[in-house]
């Protein structure tokens, strides 16, 4: 099984990558998005990811509250997205 990090996880390419991961062979370690925390939260819960990054800081703080019942780390802002991008993985899709 390959480990993958998906940046832009709520966009069309990111959603297609998540569909591929659903069909097996990939463990999703991290996800990042600009501001669509509804889709990001759903994917984080579905794949039980270690970390998510949200570029929009206000939305990132909201997602931290929404994922407080999970073990997923939420990083915010440009630095937060970079932290997710730096997660060691076999594949980082951007």
Protein backbone atom coordinates (compact mmCIF):
# COMPACT_ATOMS: atom_id res chain seq x y z
CA UNK A 1 0.00 0.00 0.00
CA UNK A 2 1.35 3.41 -0.96
CA UNK A 3 1.05 6.50 1.24
CA UNK A 4 -0.33 9.64 -0.39
CA UNK A 5 -0.78 13.30 0.52
CA UNK A 6 -3.29 15.29 -1.53
CA UNK A 7 -3.01 19.06 -1.84
CA UNK A 8 -6.07 20.70 -3.35
CA UNK A 9 -8.12 17.81 -2.02
CA UNK A 10 -11.47 19.55 -2.52
CA UNK A 11 -10.91 20.42 -6.18
CA UNK A 12 -11.76 18.24 -9.15
CA UNK A 13 -8.35 16.54 -9.37
CA UNK A 14 -8.18 16.07 -5.60
CA UNK A 15 -11.64 14.53 -5.54
CA UNK A 16 -10.63 12.13 -8.33
CA UNK A 17 -7.54 11.17 -6.34
CA UNK A 18 -9.71 10.44 -3.32
CA UNK A 19 -11.92 8.25 -5.51
CA UNK A 20 -8.86 6.27 -6.58
CA UNK A 21 -7.80 5.93 -2.92
CA UNK A 22 -11.28 4.62 -2.06
CA UNK A 23 -10.75 1.78 -4.51
CA UNK A 24 -7.69 0.57 -2.60
CA UNK A 25 -3.96 0.58 -2.76
CA UNK A 26 -3.46 3.99 -1.14
CA UNK A 27 -3.39 5.21 2.45
CA UNK A 28 -4.23 8.93 2.64
CA UNK A 29 -1.95 10.57 5.22
CA UNK A 30 -2.72 14.24 4.67
CA UNK A 31 -5.06 16.60 2.87
CA UNK A 32 -4.96 20.31 2.15
CA UNK A 33 -7.41 22.82 0.70
CA UNK A 34 -7.96 26.52 0.37
CA UNK A 35 -11.23 27.04 2.22
CA UNK A 36 -13.80 24.31 1.51
CA UNK A 37 -13.82 22.82 4.98
CA UNK A 38 -17.07 20.91 4.48
CA UNK A 39 -15.49 18.65 1.86
CA UNK A 40 -12.18 18.61 3.71
CA UNK A 41 -13.80 17.54 6.96
CA UNK A 42 -15.73 14.74 5.25
CA UNK A 43 -12.58 13.40 3.57
CA UNK A 44 -10.50 13.72 6.76
CA UNK A 45 -13.06 11.66 8.66
CA UNK A 46 -13.52 9.09 5.88
CA UNK A 47 -9.80 8.44 5.48
CA UNK A 48 -8.84 9.08 9.13
CA UNK A 49 -5.94 11.27 8.01
CA UNK A 50 -3.11 12.32 10.31
CA UNK A 51 -3.22 15.98 9.24
CA UNK A 52 -5.08 18.55 7.20
CA UNK A 53 -4.05 22.03 6.12
CA UNK A 54 -6.38 24.93 5.37
CA UNK A 55 -5.00 28.01 3.65
CA UNK A 56 -7.82 30.28 4.87
CA UNK A 57 -6.96 30.88 8.51
CA UNK A 58 -10.51 31.63 9.70
CA UNK A 59 -11.83 28.46 8.06
CA UNK A 60 -8.87 26.54 9.46
CA UNK A 61 -9.73 27.58 13.00
CA UNK A 62 -13.32 26.50 12.40
CA UNK A 63 -12.15 23.12 11.09
CA UNK A 64 -9.99 22.66 14.19
CA UNK A 65 -13.15 22.95 16.28
CA UNK A 66 -15.07 20.60 14.00
CA UNK A 67 -12.36 17.91 14.08
CA UNK A 68 -11.66 18.21 17.80
CA UNK A 69 -13.21 14.78 18.36
CA UNK A 70 -10.61 13.15 16.08
CA UNK A 71 -6.85 12.67 16.21
CA UNK A 72 -6.38 14.67 12.99
CA UNK A 73 -4.04 17.63 13.36
CA UNK A 74 -5.28 20.80 11.68
CA UNK A 75 -2.73 23.31 10.38
CA UNK A 76 -3.74 26.74 9.13
CA UNK A 77 -2.45 29.33 6.71
CA UNK A 78 0.28 29.04 4.14
CA UNK A 79 2.63 27.49 6.70
CA UNK A 80 -0.01 24.93 7.60
CA UNK A 81 -0.44 23.82 4.01
CA UNK A 82 3.34 23.58 3.70
CA UNK A 83 3.47 21.36 6.80
CA UNK A 84 1.00 18.97 5.21
CA UNK A 85 2.94 19.05 1.93
CA UNK A 86 6.07 18.03 3.87
CA UNK A 87 4.53 14.86 5.31
CA UNK A 88 6.73 11.96 4.16
CA UNK A 89 4.73 9.98 1.61
CA UNK A 90 5.27 7.84 -1.48
CA UNK A 91 3.21 10.33 -3.48
CA UNK A 92 2.34 14.00 -2.94
CA UNK A 93 -0.28 15.15 -5.41
CA UNK A 94 -0.54 18.87 -6.02
